[in-house]
Amino acid sequence: MDLQGRKVKIKTINGIQYAYDVKTVWDKEKKKYGKKSTYLGKVANLETMEIIPKREKFQTPKMILNFGDSYSIANTLDNSVFSDCFKQLLPKETDTLMSLICYKLLKSSSMQYAQTWSEGNYISQLYKSADLSSQRISDFLKKLGKEAVWRTFFKSYIEKIIGEKSGVIVDSTGLPNEINFPLSAWGSHGGVTERETRLLMVVERTTGQPLYFSYKAGNIVDVSTLSNTIAELAQIGVNTSFALVDAGYFSKDNIKELFAGKISFLTRLPSGRTLYKNLVNEHSGTLETAKNWVIYGNRSLYIKCVKVDLFGYTGYAYLACDIKRKGDEINNFLIAAKEDNLTDDEIDENLKFKGKFAIVSSEKLPVDEILPLYYTRQSAENLFGVSKSFLDILPLRTHSIETFRGYLMLNFMSLIAYIEIKKLLGDKFTVEGALLEMTNLMCSVFQNEVIVCEPTKNMKAVAELLGYTVPKKLGV
């Protein structure tokens, strides 16, 4: 009997019909042709030749892998508005890039262990072309660190998230290291001197989305980098209309350039500036009155707006006194003053400054909006915190500028992925907690498919927040 071009033989055993595929084969030993039969299954209907296929032998899984953590990250990025920015950056290296982003988000280990990690994770099935050997990672980071690659990425990325005019937060932090290359230098910040590279971060003020980053040698002070940063932003499509910057960027040149460029700004006034001391001496006597009282969170403060001269331009200073901070500082100071045998005049002079700080702006703003606006700069500090702790940017282990640039770019892209996951989770889970929860979701890899274990209630909740349903099985 012929079945779809095959010769099928039907055998009846105990009233049950069985189908066999019959082929003519050459027998090398007997040196003649013979017949070879392969069992196909039971015949359900002889007229239609419907055959119930034979049961396959029991299969054991080839491997059991961590599934939920990397699948959650990959799924989030696939559905993100930034997906093309990531996947079209280095098309031939996409699997390596995506694997390393997952690794950065999930592990705090050196990237020399990425290959070992991937072997126990579904990422090895998801991005099969990834090459995570130490030498290949180093080569990949050099490619990622090329200037042309940076320009391509930031052009496509910025177009996704920015409008015609943007308010930005600019801040910087030190990356201590002992790498012997031009970007490592002795720098002093916050009273601490160490060998470092400066990492500068630009954040969109309203959304808290990281926009851009750059790096400087550790001995380049913050005041000399702001104008260059704004110029760089313009080149990648960010037309800055408002800049919220740290006190380290307060300088004559920076302030004058901001005014000249018609860029509104807000920054803390360093306490060592003559302007700060004059503000305290002139206005501390009239600061602490009921009309200047404001509440910010659980803090009570007095804030007074004063018109000031900012290097030839009209600006506004907001002299503030934090009531609780003032009490604590006065208490600590008086205890120390007694031990230091300070005179009454010295004590009185110092007491005027306790609990006080000043913020300066190019525009006159409602007093009760100053602190909420100023403290949005914490979003930049928070991103530094994520980079240094969660994403393990320190210690720096690279030994060439090209690899260093690629490493910073990888960290920045991982930071974007982190922010995307954080937004989707809202206040239901932390990123750390959600990924740890999903790490326990395993899968079994068979010859032709992947079977995913049954998720717990929390796993289902995380998956739902991230916009997907845990699959029961997937193809290999």
Protein backbone atom coordinates (compact mmCIF):
# COMPACT_ATOMS: atom_id res chain seq x y z
CA MET A 1 0.00 0.00 0.00
CA ASP A 2 1.23 3.48 -0.91
CA LEU A 3 1.05 6.32 1.68
CA GLN A 4 2.33 9.76 0.62
CA GLY A 5 5.02 8.21 -1.55
CA ARG A 6 5.99 5.61 1.03
CA LYS A 7 5.50 1.85 0.77
CA VAL A 8 3.45 0.88 3.82
CA LYS A 9 2.87 -2.71 4.91
CA ILE A 10 -0.05 -3.57 7.16
CA LYS A 11 0.28 -6.40 9.67
CA THR A 12 -2.66 -7.74 11.66
CA ILE A 13 -1.81 -9.11 15.10
CA ASN A 14 -4.60 -10.30 17.41
CA GLY A 15 -7.10 -8.35 15.33
CA ILE A 16 -5.15 -5.07 15.57
CA GLN A 17 -3.61 -3.59 12.44
CA TYR A 18 -0.12 -2.11 12.52
CA ALA A 19 1.59 -0.03 9.84
CA TYR A 20 5.22 -0.36 8.79
CA ASP A 21 7.29 1.78 6.44
CA VAL A 22 9.07 -0.59 4.04
CA LYS A 23 12.24 0.48 2.25
CA THR A 24 14.60 -1.29 -0.10
CA VAL A 25 18.19 -1.07 1.19
CA TRP A 26 21.56 -2.47 0.12
CA ASP A 27 23.03 -5.08 2.45
CA LYS A 28 26.82 -4.67 2.35
CA GLU A 29 27.53 -8.01 4.01
CA LYS A 30 25.16 -10.09 1.86
CA LYS A 31 25.89 -7.88 -1.16
CA LYS A 32 22.30 -7.74 -2.23
CA TYR A 33 19.18 -5.62 -1.75
CA GLY A 34 16.81 -6.36 1.10
CA LYS A 35 13.79 -4.95 2.84
CA LYS A 36 13.88 -2.77 5.99
CA SER A 37 10.71 -2.16 7.97
CA THR A 38 10.15 0.78 10.36
CA TYR A 39 7.16 0.71 12.68
CA LEU A 40 4.85 3.71 12.16
CA GLY A 41 2.01 3.01 14.59
CA LYS A 42 -1.47 1.53 14.89
CA VAL A 43 -3.93 1.85 12.00
CA ALA A 44 -7.02 3.75 13.15
CA ASN A 45 -8.78 3.71 9.76
CA LEU A 46 -7.58 1.50 6.94
CA GLU A 47 -9.57 3.33 4.25
CA THR A 48 -8.15 6.75 5.06
CA MET A 49 -4.89 5.30 6.31
CA GLU A 50 -5.16 7.26 9.54
CA ILE A 51 -2.29 6.08 11.71
CA ILE A 52 -1.83 6.66 15.41
CA PRO A 53 1.88 7.51 15.66
CA LYS A 54 4.06 5.37 17.80
CA ARG A 55 4.94 6.71 21.20
CA GLU A 56 8.40 8.21 21.44
CA LYS A 57 10.68 6.82 24.06
CA PHE A 58 10.75 8.77 27.32
CA GLN A 59 13.01 11.80 27.01
CA THR A 60 15.12 13.19 29.80
CA PRO A 61 15.91 16.92 29.60
CA LYS A 62 19.27 17.85 28.19
CA MET A 63 19.60 20.56 30.85
CA ILE A 64 17.67 22.43 33.53
CA LEU A 65 18.22 26.21 33.47
CA ASN A 66 17.31 29.39 35.31
CA PHE A 67 14.61 30.89 33.14
CA GLY A 68 12.49 33.68 34.61
CA ASP A 69 15.11 36.35 35.32
CA SER A 70 16.73 36.66 31.89
CA TYR A 71 13.44 36.01 30.07
CA SER A 72 11.85 38.91 31.98
CA ILE A 73 14.66 41.31 31.05
CA ALA A 74 14.70 40.21 27.40
CA ASN A 75 10.92 40.48 27.13
CA THR A 76 10.95 43.98 28.66
CA LEU A 77 13.59 45.20 26.22
CA ASP A 78 11.87 43.56 23.24
CA ASN A 79 8.70 45.52 24.02
CA SER A 80 10.49 48.74 24.90
CA VAL A 81 10.49 51.82 22.70
CA PHE A 82 14.28 51.53 22.85
CA SER A 83 14.42 48.00 21.42
CA ASP A 84 15.72 49.08 18.00
CA CYS A 85 18.33 51.34 19.63
CA PHE A 86 19.81 48.28 21.29
CA LYS A 87 19.39 45.62 18.63
CA GLN A 88 20.43 47.64 15.59
CA LEU A 89 23.51 49.16 17.18
CA LEU A 90 25.87 46.27 16.42
CA PRO A 91 23.68 43.83 14.45
CA LYS A 92 26.26 41.03 14.34
CA GLU A 93 26.90 41.39 18.08
CA THR A 94 23.30 41.77 19.28
CA ASP A 95 23.24 38.45 21.12
CA THR A 96 26.44 39.31 22.99
CA LEU A 97 25.14 42.78 23.88
CA MET A 98 21.78 41.53 25.15
CA SER A 99 23.42 38.72 27.12
CA LEU A 100 25.83 41.13 28.82
CA ILE A 101 23.02 43.54 29.72
CA CYS A 102 21.19 40.65 31.38
CA TYR A 103 24.39 39.64 33.15
CA LYS A 104 24.96 43.19 34.45
CA LEU A 105 21.42 43.31 35.82
CA LEU A 106 21.56 39.90 37.44
CA LYS A 107 25.11 39.41 38.68
CA SER A 108 27.63 41.51 40.57
CA SER A 109 30.55 39.40 39.43
CA SER A 110 33.34 40.27 37.04
CA MET A 111 32.45 39.74 33.40
CA GLN A 112 35.06 37.00 33.16
CA TYR A 113 32.38 34.77 34.71
CA ALA A 114 29.67 35.66 32.17
CA GLN A 115 30.25 32.50 30.13
CA THR A 116 29.87 30.25 33.18
CA TRP A 117 26.68 32.07 34.20
CA SER A 118 25.15 31.78 30.74
CA GLU A 119 25.66 28.03 30.68
CA GLY A 120 23.21 27.69 33.56
CA ASN A 121 20.71 30.24 32.28
CA TYR A 122 18.08 30.28 29.55
CA ILE A 123 20.01 33.18 28.05
CA SER A 124 22.18 30.55 26.34
CA GLN A 125 19.11 29.39 24.39
CA LEU A 126 17.66 32.86 23.87
CA TYR A 127 20.82 34.45 22.43
CA LYS A 128 22.64 31.51 20.92
CA SER A 129 25.14 33.58 18.94
CA ALA A 130 26.56 35.31 22.02
CA ASP A 131 30.27 34.78 22.59
CA LEU A 132 30.97 35.44 26.26
CA SER A 133 34.54 34.22 26.53
CA SER A 134 36.79 36.77 28.25
CA GLN A 135 38.76 37.66 25.12
CA ARG A 136 35.63 38.05 22.99
CA ILE A 137 34.01 40.28 25.63
CA SER A 138 37.07 42.51 25.58
CA ASP A 139 36.91 42.70 21.77
CA PHE A 140 33.19 43.45 21.94
CA LEU A 141 33.67 46.30 24.44
CA LYS A 142 36.24 47.88 22.12
CA LYS A 143 33.65 47.85 19.32
CA LEU A 144 30.98 49.26 21.64
CA GLY A 145 33.36 52.03 22.70
CA LYS A 146 33.96 53.41 19.22
CA GLU A 147 32.96 57.03 18.63
CA ALA A 148 30.79 56.15 15.61
CA VAL A 149 28.87 53.60 17.68
CA TRP A 150 28.24 56.18 20.41
CA ARG A 151 26.93 58.70 17.90
CA THR A 152 24.63 56.11 16.35
CA PHE A 153 23.23 55.04 19.70
CA PHE A 154 22.61 58.48 21.19
CA LYS A 155 21.05 59.78 17.97
CA SER A 156 18.45 57.00 17.86
CA TYR A 157 17.98 56.94 21.64
CA ILE A 158 17.48 60.69 22.09
CA GLU A 159 14.96 60.80 19.24
CA LYS A 160 12.77 58.38 21.21
CA ILE A 161 12.52 60.38 24.41
CA ILE A 162 13.22 64.06 23.96
CA GLY A 163 11.18 67.07 22.82
CA GLU A 164 12.25 70.32 21.23
CA LYS A 165 13.30 71.80 24.57
CA SER A 166 14.42 69.91 27.65
CA GLY A 167 15.14 70.53 31.27
CA VAL A 168 18.18 68.57 32.39
CA ILE A 169 19.96 67.62 35.58
CA VAL A 170 23.73 67.54 35.37
CA ASP A 171 25.83 65.85 38.03
CA SER A 172 29.10 63.98 38.29
CA THR A 173 30.72 61.39 40.48
CA GLY A 174 34.16 59.89 40.92
CA LEU A 175 35.11 56.41 39.76
CA PRO A 176 38.14 55.51 41.88
CA ASN A 177 40.64 53.29 40.07
CA GLU A 178 44.33 52.50 39.73
CA ILE A 179 44.28 52.05 35.95
CA ASN A 180 47.36 53.42 34.27
CA PHE A 181 45.81 55.41 31.42
CA PRO A 182 45.27 59.15 30.72
CA LEU A 183 41.79 59.30 32.23
CA SER A 184 43.02 58.34 35.69
CA ALA A 185 44.26 61.28 37.73
CA TRP A 186 44.34 62.55 41.27
CA GLY A 187 41.21 64.52 42.01
CA SER A 188 39.79 66.16 45.13
CA HIS A 189 36.03 66.22 45.67
CA GLY A 190 34.13 66.58 48.91
CA GLY A 191 37.36 66.81 50.88
CA VAL A 192 38.57 63.42 49.63
CA THR A 193 41.60 63.09 47.34
CA GLU A 194 42.00 59.90 45.30
CA ARG A 195 43.01 58.61 41.90
CA GLU A 196 39.87 58.55 39.80
CA THR A 197 37.99 59.20 36.59
CA ARG A 198 35.00 61.55 36.66
CA LEU A 199 31.70 60.22 35.30
CA LEU A 200 29.19 62.90 34.32
CA MET A 201 25.50 62.04 33.99
CA VAL A 202 22.72 64.03 32.32
CA VAL A 203 19.15 63.21 33.34
CA GLU A 204 15.85 64.47 31.95
CA ARG A 205 14.38 66.58 34.76
CA THR A 206 10.71 65.63 34.45
CA THR A 207 10.93 61.89 33.83
CA GLY A 208 14.22 61.04 35.53
CA GLN A 209 15.29 59.23 32.35
CA PRO A 210 19.08 59.08 31.81
CA LEU A 211 19.91 61.04 28.66
CA TYR A 212 23.63 61.10 28.23
CA PHE A 213 26.93 60.51 29.95
CA SER A 214 30.52 61.50 29.45
CA TYR A 215 33.79 61.05 31.29
CA LYS A 216 36.69 63.28 32.30
CA ALA A 217 40.05 62.82 33.93
CA GLY A 218 39.87 62.96 37.72
CA ASN A 219 41.82 66.23 37.94
CA ILE A 220 39.36 68.16 35.73
CA VAL A 221 37.16 70.16 38.08
CA ASP A 222 33.41 70.24 37.63
CA VAL A 223 33.25 73.97 36.89
CA SER A 224 35.08 73.50 33.58
CA THR A 225 32.81 70.78 32.18
CA LEU A 226 29.30 72.25 32.14
CA SER A 227 29.54 74.36 28.97
CA ASN A 228 31.18 71.48 27.08
CA THR A 229 28.41 69.15 28.23
CA ILE A 230 25.64 71.47 27.04
CA ALA A 231 27.44 71.80 23.70
CA GLU A 232 27.68 68.01 23.43
CA LEU A 233 23.98 67.69 24.23
CA ALA A 234 23.13 70.08 21.40
CA GLN A 235 25.12 67.89 19.00
CA ILE A 236 23.01 64.83 19.85
CA GLY A 237 19.69 66.67 19.64
CA VAL A 238 19.11 67.89 23.20
CA ASN A 239 18.38 71.62 23.19
CA THR A 240 18.70 72.52 26.83
CA SER A 241 16.23 75.09 28.12
CA PHE A 242 16.74 74.47 31.85
CA ALA A 243 19.72 73.13 33.78
CA LEU A 244 19.61 71.89 37.36
CA VAL A 245 23.22 71.50 38.44
CA ASP A 246 25.20 70.69 41.55
CA ALA A 247 27.10 73.34 43.52
CA GLY A 248 30.34 72.08 41.99
CA TYR A 249 29.36 73.70 38.70
CA PHE A 250 28.86 77.18 40.17
CA SER A 251 31.47 79.41 38.58
CA LYS A 252 31.61 82.79 36.85
CA ASP A 253 32.17 81.28 33.41
CA ASN A 254 29.40 78.69 33.75
CA ILE A 255 26.82 81.15 35.07
CA LYS A 256 27.61 83.70 32.37
CA GLU A 257 27.40 81.06 29.64
CA LEU A 258 24.03 79.87 30.92
CA PHE A 259 22.68 83.41 30.89
CA ALA A 260 24.18 84.11 27.47
CA GLY A 261 22.68 80.92 26.07
CA LYS A 262 19.28 81.83 27.57
CA ILE A 263 19.29 78.63 29.59
CA SER A 264 17.39 78.90 32.85
CA PHE A 265 19.16 77.26 35.79
CA LEU A 266 18.99 76.38 39.45
CA THR A 267 21.94 75.43 41.64
CA ARG A 268 23.07 75.43 45.24
CA LEU A 269 25.38 78.29 46.18
CA PRO A 270 28.65 76.98 47.66
CA SER A 271 29.06 78.07 51.30
CA GLY A 272 32.57 79.34 50.62
CA ARG A 273 31.36 82.03 48.20
CA THR A 274 31.33 85.67 49.26
CA LEU A 275 27.76 85.95 48.01
CA TYR A 276 26.64 83.25 50.44
CA LYS A 277 28.31 84.93 53.40
CA ASN A 278 26.82 88.31 52.44
CA LEU A 279 23.34 86.79 52.20
CA VAL A 280 23.60 85.29 55.67
CA ASN A 281 25.02 88.47 57.22
CA GLU A 282 22.38 90.70 55.62
CA HIS A 283 19.25 88.57 55.88
CA SER A 284 19.58 86.07 58.73
CA GLY A 285 17.94 88.56 61.10
CA THR A 286 14.76 88.71 58.99
CA LEU A 287 14.75 85.14 57.71
CA GLU A 288 13.09 83.28 60.57
CA THR A 289 9.62 84.79 60.45
CA ALA A 290 6.22 83.21 59.87
CA LYS A 291 5.83 84.68 56.38
CA ASN A 292 8.97 82.77 55.26
CA TRP A 293 7.89 79.43 56.73
CA VAL A 294 7.45 76.47 54.34
CA ILE A 295 7.06 72.71 54.75
CA TYR A 296 8.86 70.22 52.53
CA GLY A 297 8.00 66.62 53.29
CA ASN A 298 8.53 66.24 57.02
CA ARG A 299 10.89 69.22 57.21
CA SER A 300 10.03 72.74 58.37
CA LEU A 301 12.13 75.52 56.88
CA TYR A 302 12.31 79.27 56.49
CA ILE A 303 13.05 80.43 52.93
CA LYS A 304 13.52 84.03 51.76
CA CYS A 305 13.89 85.17 48.14
CA VAL A 306 16.47 87.91 47.49
CA LYS A 307 17.34 89.55 44.17
CA VAL A 308 21.12 89.28 43.60
CA ASP A 309 23.79 90.10 41.04
CA LEU A 310 25.19 86.98 39.35
CA PHE A 311 28.32 88.13 37.57
CA GLY A 312 26.57 91.03 35.86
CA TYR A 313 23.18 89.32 35.40
CA THR A 314 20.09 89.63 37.57
CA GLY A 315 19.40 86.45 39.50
CA TYR A 316 17.59 85.30 42.60
CA ALA A 317 18.92 83.71 45.76
CA TYR A 318 16.79 81.65 48.10
CA LEU A 319 18.31 81.73 51.57
CA ALA A 320 16.97 78.83 53.63
CA CYS A 321 17.17 77.67 57.22
CA ASP A 322 16.34 74.05 58.06
CA ILE A 323 14.95 74.21 61.61
CA LYS A 324 15.89 70.68 62.71
CA ARG A 325 19.28 70.81 61.03
CA LYS A 326 19.96 74.16 62.72
CA GLY A 327 19.29 72.68 66.16
CA ASP A 328 21.55 69.70 65.57
CA GLU A 329 24.38 71.82 64.15
CA ILE A 330 24.20 74.37 66.97
CA ASN A 331 24.25 71.62 69.60
CA ASN A 332 27.30 69.93 68.07
CA PHE A 333 29.06 73.24 67.51
CA LEU A 334 28.59 74.52 71.07
CA ILE A 335 29.92 71.30 72.56
CA ALA A 336 33.01 71.58 70.34
CA ALA A 337 33.31 75.33 70.97
CA LYS A 338 33.63 74.76 74.70
CA GLU A 339 36.42 72.26 74.18
CA ASP A 340 38.13 74.62 71.71
CA ASN A 341 37.82 77.62 74.08
CA LEU A 342 36.22 79.85 71.42
CA THR A 343 35.43 83.44 72.37
CA ASP A 344 31.87 84.76 72.56
CA ASP A 345 32.39 86.76 69.37
CA GLU A 346 33.67 83.69 67.53
CA ILE A 347 30.68 81.67 68.71
CA ASP A 348 28.19 84.35 67.68
CA GLU A 349 29.78 84.70 64.25
CA ASN A 350 29.58 80.94 63.57
CA LEU A 351 26.06 80.50 64.91
CA LYS A 352 24.64 82.69 62.15
CA PHE A 353 25.49 80.07 59.54
CA LYS A 354 24.13 76.98 61.29
CA GLY A 355 21.30 75.21 59.49
CA LYS A 356 21.46 77.58 56.54
CA PHE A 357 22.02 77.06 52.83
CA ALA A 358 21.28 79.03 49.68
CA ILE A 359 20.00 78.18 46.22
CA VAL A 360 20.40 80.54 43.26
CA SER A 361 18.33 80.72 40.10
CA SER A 362 18.15 82.75 36.92
CA GLU A 363 14.40 83.12 37.41
CA LYS A 364 12.12 84.19 40.23
CA LEU A 365 10.12 81.15 41.31
CA PRO A 366 7.50 80.57 44.04
CA VAL A 367 9.34 79.93 47.30
CA ASP A 368 7.42 76.73 48.02
CA GLU A 369 8.53 75.26 44.66
CA ILE A 370 12.26 75.74 45.18
CA LEU A 371 13.02 72.66 47.27
CA PRO A 372 10.88 70.20 45.25
CA LEU A 373 12.60 71.47 42.12
CA TYR A 374 16.11 71.40 43.57
CA TYR A 375 15.79 67.92 45.02
CA THR A 376 14.81 66.43 41.67
CA ARG A 377 18.58 66.35 41.18
CA GLN A 378 18.53 63.33 43.46
CA SER A 379 17.44 61.33 40.44
CA ALA A 380 20.96 61.74 39.06
CA GLU A 381 22.46 60.71 42.39
CA ASN A 382 20.15 57.69 42.49
CA LEU A 383 21.33 56.63 39.04
CA PHE A 384 24.92 56.87 40.20
CA GLY A 385 23.95 54.70 43.14
CA VAL A 386 22.41 52.08 40.85
CA SER A 387 25.49 52.10 38.62
CA LYS A 388 27.94 51.75 41.50
CA SER A 389 26.08 49.16 43.54
CA PHE A 390 23.43 47.28 41.58
CA LEU A 391 25.26 47.36 38.22
CA ASP A 392 28.70 46.91 39.77
CA ILE A 393 30.45 49.65 37.78
CA LEU A 394 33.20 49.62 40.42
CA PRO A 395 35.93 48.63 40.62
CA LEU A 396 37.01 49.57 37.11
CA ARG A 397 39.02 46.70 35.65
CA THR A 398 39.61 47.82 32.06
CA HIS A 399 43.09 48.80 30.87
CA SER A 400 42.53 50.68 27.60
CA ILE A 401 40.49 53.74 26.73
CA GLU A 402 38.56 51.84 24.04
CA THR A 403 37.53 49.07 26.43
CA PHE A 404 36.78 51.64 29.15
CA ARG A 405 34.44 53.55 26.80
CA GLY A 406 32.66 50.33 25.85
CA TYR A 407 32.30 49.35 29.50
CA LEU A 408 30.71 52.71 30.35
CA MET A 409 28.33 52.38 27.39
CA LEU A 410 27.34 48.86 28.48
CA ASN A 411 26.67 50.19 31.97
CA PHE A 412 24.58 53.08 30.57
CA MET A 413 22.48 50.73 28.43
CA SER A 414 22.00 48.42 31.42
CA LEU A 415 20.89 51.46 33.41
CA ILE A 416 18.25 52.23 30.77
CA ALA A 417 17.01 48.63 31.03
CA TYR A 418 16.91 48.94 34.83
CA ILE A 419 14.82 52.13 34.60
CA GLU A 420 12.41 50.48 32.15
CA ILE A 421 11.84 47.54 34.49
CA LYS A 422 11.49 49.86 37.49
CA LYS A 423 8.79 51.92 35.73
CA LEU A 424 6.77 48.82 34.87
CA LEU A 425 7.01 47.39 38.40
CA GLY A 426 5.89 50.64 40.00
CA ASP A 427 5.71 50.31 43.76
CA LYS A 428 4.70 46.65 43.69
CA PHE A 429 8.24 45.23 43.55
CA THR A 430 11.77 46.56 43.54
CA VAL A 431 13.85 45.62 40.51
CA GLU A 432 16.13 43.60 42.75
CA GLY A 433 13.22 41.79 44.40
CA ALA A 434 11.43 41.06 41.14
CA LEU A 435 14.47 39.62 39.39
CA LEU A 436 15.37 37.56 42.44
CA GLU A 437 11.81 36.21 42.48
CA MET A 438 12.04 35.28 38.80
CA THR A 439 15.45 33.63 39.21
CA ASN A 440 13.65 30.71 40.88
CA LEU A 441 11.52 30.06 37.78
CA MET A 442 13.28 27.18 36.04
CA CYS A 443 12.90 25.45 32.69
CA SER A 444 13.79 22.03 31.27
CA VAL A 445 15.39 21.92 27.81
CA PHE A 446 14.49 18.86 25.71
CA GLN A 447 15.49 17.93 22.19
CA ASN A 448 12.79 19.96 20.46
CA GLU A 449 11.24 22.23 23.08
CA VAL A 450 11.65 24.00 26.38
CA ILE A 451 9.20 23.24 29.19
CA VAL A 452 8.78 26.03 31.74
CA CYS A 453 8.01 25.13 35.35
CA GLU A 454 4.77 26.30 36.94
CA PRO A 455 5.21 29.88 38.25
CA THR A 456 4.28 30.93 41.78
CA LYS A 457 1.74 33.63 42.54
CA ASN A 458 4.49 36.25 42.90
CA MET A 459 6.14 35.15 39.66
CA LYS A 460 2.86 35.56 37.82
CA ALA A 461 2.43 39.01 39.37
CA VAL A 462 5.90 40.13 38.25
CA ALA A 463 5.35 38.79 34.74
CA GLU A 464 2.00 40.57 34.49
CA LEU A 465 3.56 43.89 35.54
CA LEU A 466 6.27 43.40 32.93
CA GLY A 467 3.64 42.81 30.27
CA TYR A 468 3.79 39.09 29.56
CA THR A 469 2.32 35.73 30.57
CA VAL A 470 4.73 33.02 31.64
CA PRO A 471 4.82 30.54 28.73
CA LYS A 472 4.28 26.85 29.35
CA LYS A 473 6.66 25.78 26.60
CA LEU A 474 8.89 27.29 23.93
CA GLY A 475 10.68 26.03 20.87
CA VAL A 476 14.41 25.36 20.96
